[in-house]
Amino acid sequence: MSLRRRIARTLRRKDEAARAPVPPISVTLFEFATPMTDTMPVPRKLAHLKAAMALAQLAWNLPILERSGDPALAKEYRAMAEAELATKPALARELVAQMMKSRLTRYARDERLVTFVDVVEDGAELRILATDSHVREGL
């Protein structure tokens, strides 16, 4: 295949990816938090899932704020994240570190920040509620 055709195919794929619908942030955040939620016993307890989603929010936002956001806000958010993680078990700290790396690789194109996350009971199910903003809008 010629170089011109390869470049055209790459550009076409990037254009198609840019036009693809973005899943709701709650769906994306739950998928992102899978390394953490997979370590939980089933059925998952509300308090455990709330804690996991709060850590997932930290792991989701911090790398993007440090890369593209307001430096002062990023520094403040880093201090808050480190204070929160200092109280968590070693496994949780390790999982958050892995998730932060994943945020900059697998989820790098998603420029949304999680502005709010909560877990609520909906009958027999637990539902994740989350809102987002663009990195330029801040938290």
N, C-alpha and C. Protein backbone atom coordinates (compact mmCIF):
# COMPACT_ATOMS: atom_id res chain seq x y z
N MET A 1 0.85 -1.17 0.00
CA MET A 1 0.00 0.00 0.00
C MET A 1 0.89 1.24 0.00
N SER A 2 0.50 2.21 -0.78
CA SER A 2 1.32 3.41 -0.90
C SER A 2 1.22 4.26 0.36
N LEU A 3 2.20 5.11 0.53
CA LEU A 3 2.23 6.01 1.68
C LEU A 3 1.01 6.93 1.67
N ARG A 4 0.65 7.41 0.50
CA ARG A 4 -0.51 8.30 0.38
C ARG A 4 -1.78 7.60 0.86
N ARG A 5 -1.97 6.36 0.48
CA ARG A 5 -3.16 5.61 0.90
C ARG A 5 -3.15 5.35 2.40
N ARG A 6 -1.98 5.06 2.97
CA ARG A 6 -1.88 4.83 4.41
C ARG A 6 -2.21 6.09 5.19
N ILE A 7 -1.70 7.23 4.71
CA ILE A 7 -2.00 8.51 5.37
C ILE A 7 -3.49 8.81 5.28
N ALA A 8 -4.07 8.60 4.10
CA ALA A 8 -5.51 8.85 3.92
C ALA A 8 -6.33 7.95 4.84
N ARG A 9 -5.95 6.69 4.96
CA ARG A 9 -6.67 5.76 5.83
C ARG A 9 -6.56 6.20 7.30
N THR A 10 -5.37 6.60 7.71
CA THR A 10 -5.17 7.07 9.08
C THR A 10 -6.02 8.30 9.36
N LEU A 11 -6.03 9.25 8.45
CA LEU A 11 -6.84 10.46 8.62
C LEU A 11 -8.32 10.13 8.67
N ARG A 12 -8.76 9.21 7.83
CA ARG A 12 -10.17 8.80 7.82
C ARG A 12 -10.54 8.15 9.15
N ARG A 13 -9.69 7.29 9.68
CA ARG A 13 -9.96 6.64 10.97
C ARG A 13 -10.03 7.66 12.11
N LYS A 14 -9.11 8.62 12.10
CA LYS A 14 -9.13 9.66 13.13
C LYS A 14 -10.40 10.49 13.05
N ASP A 15 -10.83 10.80 11.83
CA ASP A 15 -12.06 11.57 11.64
C ASP A 15 -13.27 10.77 12.13
N GLU A 16 -13.31 9.49 11.82
CA GLU A 16 -14.41 8.64 12.28
C GLU A 16 -14.43 8.54 13.80
N ALA A 17 -13.26 8.42 14.40
CA ALA A 17 -13.17 8.34 15.86
C ALA A 17 -13.63 9.65 16.50
N ALA A 18 -13.31 10.78 15.88
CA ALA A 18 -13.71 12.07 16.44
C ALA A 18 -15.21 12.26 16.37
N ARG A 19 -15.87 11.67 15.37
CA ARG A 19 -17.31 11.81 15.21
C ARG A 19 -18.09 10.78 16.01
N ALA A 20 -17.42 9.78 16.53
CA ALA A 20 -18.12 8.73 17.28
C ALA A 20 -18.72 9.31 18.56
N PRO A 21 -19.92 8.86 18.92
CA PRO A 21 -20.53 9.38 20.15
C PRO A 21 -19.71 8.99 21.38
N VAL A 22 -19.63 9.92 22.31
CA VAL A 22 -18.89 9.70 23.54
C VAL A 22 -19.87 9.13 24.58
N PRO A 23 -19.52 8.03 25.22
CA PRO A 23 -20.43 7.49 26.23
C PRO A 23 -20.55 8.45 27.42
N PRO A 24 -21.63 8.37 28.17
CA PRO A 24 -21.76 9.22 29.36
C PRO A 24 -20.56 9.02 30.28
N ILE A 25 -20.19 10.08 30.99
CA ILE A 25 -19.02 10.01 31.86
C ILE A 25 -19.20 8.95 32.94
N SER A 26 -20.42 8.71 33.39
CA SER A 26 -20.63 7.68 34.41
C SER A 26 -20.25 6.29 33.89
N VAL A 27 -20.56 6.03 32.63
CA VAL A 27 -20.21 4.74 32.02
C VAL A 27 -18.69 4.64 31.87
N THR A 28 -18.09 5.71 31.37
CA THR A 28 -16.65 5.74 31.16
C THR A 28 -15.91 5.59 32.49
N LEU A 29 -16.38 6.29 33.52
CA LEU A 29 -15.71 6.23 34.82
C LEU A 29 -15.81 4.84 35.44
N PHE A 30 -16.98 4.19 35.29
CA PHE A 30 -17.12 2.83 35.82
C PHE A 30 -16.16 1.88 35.11
N GLU A 31 -16.05 2.01 33.80
CA GLU A 31 -15.11 1.17 33.03
C GLU A 31 -13.68 1.45 33.48
N PHE A 32 -13.36 2.73 33.64
CA PHE A 32 -12.03 3.16 34.07
C PHE A 32 -11.68 2.58 35.44
N ALA A 33 -12.68 2.49 36.32
CA ALA A 33 -12.47 2.01 37.70
C ALA A 33 -12.46 0.49 37.81
N THR A 34 -12.58 -0.21 36.72
CA THR A 34 -12.64 -1.67 36.75
C THR A 34 -11.49 -2.32 37.52
N PRO A 35 -10.24 -1.85 37.38
CA PRO A 35 -9.17 -2.48 38.17
C PRO A 35 -9.46 -2.44 39.68
N MET A 36 -10.10 -1.37 40.13
CA MET A 36 -10.41 -1.25 41.54
C MET A 36 -11.66 -2.06 41.92
N THR A 37 -12.69 -1.96 41.10
CA THR A 37 -13.93 -2.66 41.44
C THR A 37 -13.79 -4.17 41.32
N ASP A 38 -12.86 -4.62 40.49
CA ASP A 38 -12.62 -6.07 40.36
C ASP A 38 -12.04 -6.68 41.63
N THR A 39 -11.46 -5.86 42.50
CA THR A 39 -10.89 -6.38 43.74
C THR A 39 -11.94 -6.47 44.86
N MET A 40 -13.15 -5.97 44.60
CA MET A 40 -14.19 -5.95 45.63
C MET A 40 -14.97 -7.26 45.65
N PRO A 41 -15.41 -7.65 46.85
CA PRO A 41 -16.26 -8.84 46.91
C PRO A 41 -17.63 -8.54 46.28
N VAL A 42 -18.25 -9.57 45.73
CA VAL A 42 -19.57 -9.43 45.13
C VAL A 42 -20.57 -10.11 46.06
N PRO A 43 -21.69 -9.50 46.34
CA PRO A 43 -22.19 -8.24 45.82
C PRO A 43 -21.45 -7.06 46.44
N ARG A 44 -21.26 -6.03 45.64
CA ARG A 44 -20.54 -4.85 46.11
C ARG A 44 -21.40 -4.04 47.08
N LYS A 45 -20.75 -3.51 48.08
CA LYS A 45 -21.45 -2.69 49.07
C LYS A 45 -21.41 -1.23 48.61
N LEU A 46 -22.46 -0.50 48.96
CA LEU A 46 -22.58 0.89 48.57
C LEU A 46 -21.38 1.71 49.03
N ALA A 47 -20.99 1.57 50.29
CA ALA A 47 -19.87 2.36 50.82
C ALA A 47 -18.57 2.07 50.08
N HIS A 48 -18.33 0.80 49.74
CA HIS A 48 -17.11 0.44 49.02
C HIS A 48 -17.09 1.03 47.61
N LEU A 49 -18.24 0.96 46.95
CA LEU A 49 -18.30 1.49 45.59
C LEU A 49 -18.19 3.02 45.59
N LYS A 50 -18.76 3.68 46.59
CA LYS A 50 -18.61 5.14 46.70
C LYS A 50 -17.14 5.51 46.86
N ALA A 51 -16.43 4.79 47.72
CA ALA A 51 -15.01 5.07 47.94
C ALA A 51 -14.21 4.82 46.66
N ALA A 52 -14.53 3.74 45.95
CA ALA A 52 -13.83 3.43 44.70
C ALA A 52 -14.06 4.50 43.65
N MET A 53 -15.28 4.99 43.56
CA MET A 53 -15.58 6.02 42.55
C MET A 53 -14.93 7.36 42.91
N ALA A 54 -14.80 7.65 44.19
CA ALA A 54 -14.10 8.88 44.60
C ALA A 54 -12.62 8.79 44.21
N LEU A 55 -12.02 7.63 44.42
CA LEU A 55 -10.62 7.46 44.01
C LEU A 55 -10.48 7.46 42.49
N ALA A 56 -11.46 6.89 41.80
CA ALA A 56 -11.44 6.91 40.34
C ALA A 56 -11.53 8.34 39.82
N GLN A 57 -12.31 9.18 40.49
CA GLN A 57 -12.41 10.58 40.10
C GLN A 57 -11.05 11.27 40.24
N LEU A 58 -10.35 11.00 41.33
CA LEU A 58 -9.01 11.56 41.51
C LEU A 58 -8.07 11.09 40.40
N ALA A 59 -8.10 9.79 40.15
CA ALA A 59 -7.20 9.21 39.14
C ALA A 59 -7.55 9.69 37.74
N TRP A 60 -8.81 10.00 37.50
CA TRP A 60 -9.25 10.48 36.18
C TRP A 60 -8.83 11.94 35.96
N ASN A 61 -9.05 12.77 36.96
CA ASN A 61 -8.85 14.21 36.80
C ASN A 61 -7.39 14.65 36.89
N LEU A 62 -6.65 14.11 37.85
CA LEU A 62 -5.32 14.63 38.14
C LEU A 62 -4.37 14.62 36.94
N PRO A 63 -4.23 13.51 36.22
CA PRO A 63 -3.28 13.52 35.09
C PRO A 63 -3.63 14.55 34.02
N ILE A 64 -4.91 14.76 33.77
CA ILE A 64 -5.32 15.72 32.75
C ILE A 64 -5.12 17.15 33.23
N LEU A 65 -5.42 17.40 34.49
CA LEU A 65 -5.18 18.74 35.04
C LEU A 65 -3.70 19.09 34.99
N GLU A 66 -2.86 18.12 35.32
CA GLU A 66 -1.42 18.37 35.30
C GLU A 66 -0.89 18.55 33.88
N ARG A 67 -1.52 17.89 32.93
CA ARG A 67 -1.06 17.98 31.54
C ARG A 67 -1.62 19.22 30.84
N SER A 68 -2.89 19.52 31.05
CA SER A 68 -3.55 20.54 30.22
C SER A 68 -4.27 21.64 30.99
N GLY A 69 -4.36 21.51 32.28
CA GLY A 69 -5.17 22.45 33.03
C GLY A 69 -4.38 23.59 33.63
N ASP A 70 -5.05 24.31 34.49
CA ASP A 70 -4.48 25.43 35.23
C ASP A 70 -3.42 24.89 36.20
N PRO A 71 -2.17 25.34 36.11
CA PRO A 71 -1.12 24.80 36.98
C PRO A 71 -1.41 24.96 38.47
N ALA A 72 -2.00 26.07 38.87
CA ALA A 72 -2.32 26.28 40.29
C ALA A 72 -3.38 25.29 40.76
N LEU A 73 -4.41 25.07 39.93
CA LEU A 73 -5.45 24.11 40.26
C LEU A 73 -4.88 22.70 40.30
N ALA A 74 -4.00 22.38 39.36
CA ALA A 74 -3.38 21.06 39.32
C ALA A 74 -2.56 20.81 40.58
N LYS A 75 -1.82 21.82 41.03
CA LYS A 75 -1.01 21.68 42.24
C LYS A 75 -1.90 21.45 43.47
N GLU A 76 -2.98 22.21 43.54
CA GLU A 76 -3.93 22.06 44.65
C GLU A 76 -4.59 20.68 44.63
N TYR A 77 -4.98 20.23 43.44
CA TYR A 77 -5.62 18.93 43.29
C TYR A 77 -4.64 17.80 43.62
N ARG A 78 -3.38 17.96 43.24
CA ARG A 78 -2.34 16.96 43.57
C ARG A 78 -2.19 16.83 45.08
N ALA A 79 -2.13 17.96 45.78
CA ALA A 79 -2.00 17.93 47.24
C ALA A 79 -3.20 17.24 47.88
N MET A 80 -4.40 17.54 47.38
CA MET A 80 -5.60 16.91 47.91
C MET A 80 -5.57 15.40 47.64
N ALA A 81 -5.16 15.01 46.44
CA ALA A 81 -5.11 13.59 46.09
C ALA A 81 -4.09 12.85 46.96
N GLU A 82 -2.92 13.43 47.16
CA GLU A 82 -1.91 12.79 47.98
C GLU A 82 -2.36 12.65 49.43
N ALA A 83 -3.05 13.66 49.95
CA ALA A 83 -3.57 13.57 51.32
C ALA A 83 -4.61 12.47 51.43
N GLU A 84 -5.47 12.35 50.43
CA GLU A 84 -6.51 11.32 50.44
C GLU A 84 -5.87 9.93 50.32
N LEU A 85 -4.92 9.78 49.42
CA LEU A 85 -4.29 8.47 49.20
C LEU A 85 -3.43 8.03 50.38
N ALA A 86 -2.92 8.97 51.14
CA ALA A 86 -2.08 8.63 52.30
C ALA A 86 -2.85 7.81 53.33
N THR A 87 -4.16 7.95 53.35
CA THR A 87 -4.99 7.23 54.33
C THR A 87 -5.48 5.88 53.80
N LYS A 88 -5.18 5.56 52.55
CA LYS A 88 -5.69 4.34 51.91
C LYS A 88 -4.67 3.21 51.99
N PRO A 89 -5.14 1.97 51.89
CA PRO A 89 -4.23 0.81 51.88
C PRO A 89 -3.29 0.85 50.66
N ALA A 90 -2.20 0.13 50.76
CA ALA A 90 -1.20 0.11 49.69
C ALA A 90 -1.80 -0.37 48.37
N LEU A 91 -2.69 -1.35 48.41
CA LEU A 91 -3.31 -1.85 47.18
C LEU A 91 -4.09 -0.73 46.48
N ALA A 92 -4.82 0.06 47.23
CA ALA A 92 -5.60 1.16 46.64
C ALA A 92 -4.66 2.18 46.01
N ARG A 93 -3.56 2.51 46.68
CA ARG A 93 -2.60 3.47 46.13
C ARG A 93 -2.00 2.94 44.82
N GLU A 94 -1.69 1.65 44.81
CA GLU A 94 -1.11 1.04 43.62
C GLU A 94 -2.12 1.04 42.47
N LEU A 95 -3.36 0.71 42.76
CA LEU A 95 -4.39 0.71 41.72
C LEU A 95 -4.63 2.11 41.16
N VAL A 96 -4.63 3.11 42.02
CA VAL A 96 -4.81 4.49 41.56
C VAL A 96 -3.65 4.90 40.66
N ALA A 97 -2.44 4.52 41.01
CA ALA A 97 -1.28 4.83 40.17
C ALA A 97 -1.42 4.17 38.79
N GLN A 98 -1.88 2.93 38.75
CA GLN A 98 -2.10 2.24 37.48
C GLN A 98 -3.18 2.94 36.67
N MET A 99 -4.24 3.36 37.36
CA MET A 99 -5.34 4.04 36.68
C MET A 99 -4.88 5.38 36.10
N MET A 100 -4.01 6.09 36.81
CA MET A 100 -3.49 7.36 36.30
C MET A 100 -2.69 7.15 35.02
N LYS A 101 -1.93 6.07 34.98
CA LYS A 101 -1.19 5.75 33.75
C LYS A 101 -2.16 5.43 32.62
N SER A 102 -3.19 4.69 32.94
CA SER A 102 -4.21 4.35 31.95
C SER A 102 -4.91 5.60 31.43
N ARG A 103 -5.09 6.58 32.31
CA ARG A 103 -5.74 7.84 31.92
C ARG A 103 -4.95 8.56 30.85
N LEU A 104 -3.63 8.46 30.92
CA LEU A 104 -2.77 9.14 29.94
C LEU A 104 -2.49 8.31 28.70
N THR A 105 -2.94 7.07 28.69
CA THR A 105 -2.72 6.23 27.51
C THR A 105 -4.07 5.86 26.88
N ARG A 106 -4.74 4.91 27.47
CA ARG A 106 -6.00 4.41 26.91
C ARG A 106 -7.09 5.48 26.83
N TYR A 107 -7.16 6.37 27.81
CA TYR A 107 -8.21 7.38 27.87
C TYR A 107 -7.69 8.78 27.54
N ALA A 108 -6.56 8.88 26.92
CA ALA A 108 -5.90 10.18 26.70
C ALA A 108 -6.73 11.13 25.84
N ARG A 109 -7.50 10.64 24.92
CA ARG A 109 -8.27 11.51 24.02
C ARG A 109 -9.51 12.09 24.69
N ASP A 110 -9.90 11.55 25.80
CA ASP A 110 -11.10 12.03 26.50
C ASP A 110 -10.70 13.21 27.37
N GLU A 111 -11.06 14.40 26.98
CA GLU A 111 -10.65 15.62 27.67
C GLU A 111 -11.62 16.03 28.78
N ARG A 112 -12.56 15.19 29.11
CA ARG A 112 -13.53 15.55 30.15
C ARG A 112 -12.93 15.38 31.54
N LEU A 113 -13.37 16.23 32.44
CA LEU A 113 -13.06 16.10 33.86
C LEU A 113 -14.33 15.65 34.56
N VAL A 114 -14.19 14.85 35.59
CA VAL A 114 -15.34 14.44 36.38
C VAL A 114 -15.54 15.50 37.46
N THR A 115 -16.67 16.20 37.40
CA THR A 115 -16.93 17.27 38.36
C THR A 115 -17.72 16.79 39.55
N PHE A 116 -18.44 15.68 39.40
CA PHE A 116 -19.25 15.13 40.48
C PHE A 116 -19.42 13.65 40.24
N VAL A 117 -19.33 12.86 41.30
CA VAL A 117 -19.63 11.43 41.21
C VAL A 117 -20.25 10.97 42.51
N ASP A 118 -21.26 10.13 42.37
CA ASP A 118 -21.91 9.54 43.54
C ASP A 118 -22.44 8.18 43.12
N VAL A 119 -22.67 7.34 44.10
CA VAL A 119 -23.26 6.03 43.87
C VAL A 119 -24.52 5.98 44.70
N VAL A 120 -25.62 5.58 44.07
CA VAL A 120 -26.91 5.52 44.75
C VAL A 120 -27.53 4.14 44.57
N GLU A 121 -28.36 3.79 45.54
CA GLU A 121 -29.11 2.54 45.43
C GLU A 121 -30.36 2.80 44.61
N ASP A 122 -30.58 1.97 43.62
CA ASP A 122 -31.76 2.05 42.77
C ASP A 122 -32.43 0.68 42.82
N GLY A 123 -33.28 0.50 43.83
CA GLY A 123 -33.86 -0.82 44.05
C GLY A 123 -32.76 -1.77 44.51
N ALA A 124 -32.58 -2.84 43.78
CA ALA A 124 -31.55 -3.82 44.13
C ALA A 124 -30.21 -3.51 43.47
N GLU A 125 -30.16 -2.48 42.64
CA GLU A 125 -28.94 -2.15 41.91
C GLU A 125 -28.26 -0.92 42.49
N LEU A 126 -26.97 -0.81 42.22
CA LEU A 126 -26.21 0.39 42.54
C LEU A 126 -25.95 1.12 41.24
N ARG A 127 -26.24 2.42 41.22
CA ARG A 127 -26.06 3.24 40.03
C ARG A 127 -25.02 4.32 40.29
N ILE A 128 -24.22 4.57 39.27
CA ILE A 128 -23.22 5.63 39.36
C ILE A 128 -23.77 6.87 38.66
N LEU A 129 -23.74 7.97 39.38
CA LEU A 129 -24.16 9.25 38.84
C LEU A 129 -22.91 10.12 38.73
N ALA A 130 -22.69 10.71 37.59
CA ALA A 130 -21.50 11.55 37.42
C ALA A 130 -21.80 12.66 36.43
N THR A 131 -21.14 13.78 36.64
CA THR A 131 -21.21 14.89 35.70
C THR A 131 -19.79 15.24 35.28
N ASP A 132 -19.70 15.92 34.15
CA ASP A 132 -18.37 16.25 33.64
C ASP A 132 -18.33 17.67 33.12
N SER A 133 -17.12 18.14 32.90
CA SER A 133 -16.88 19.41 32.23
C SER A 133 -15.63 19.21 31.39
N HIS A 134 -15.40 20.12 30.49
CA HIS A 134 -14.19 20.06 29.67
C HIS A 134 -13.02 20.59 30.47
N VAL A 135 -11.84 20.13 30.19
CA VAL A 135 -10.64 20.54 30.94
C VAL A 135 -10.47 22.06 30.93
N ARG A 136 -10.87 22.71 29.88
CA ARG A 136 -10.73 24.17 29.79
C ARG A 136 -11.69 24.89 30.74
N GLU A 137 -12.80 24.22 31.08
CA GLU A 137 -13.78 24.82 31.99
C GLU A 137 -13.38 24.63 33.44
N GLY A 138 -12.52 23.65 33.71
CA GLY A 138 -12.06 23.37 35.06
C GLY A 138 -13.08 22.61 35.88
N LEU A 139 -12.78 22.47 37.16
CA LEU A 139 -13.67 21.75 38.07
C LEU A 139 -14.62 22.74 38.65
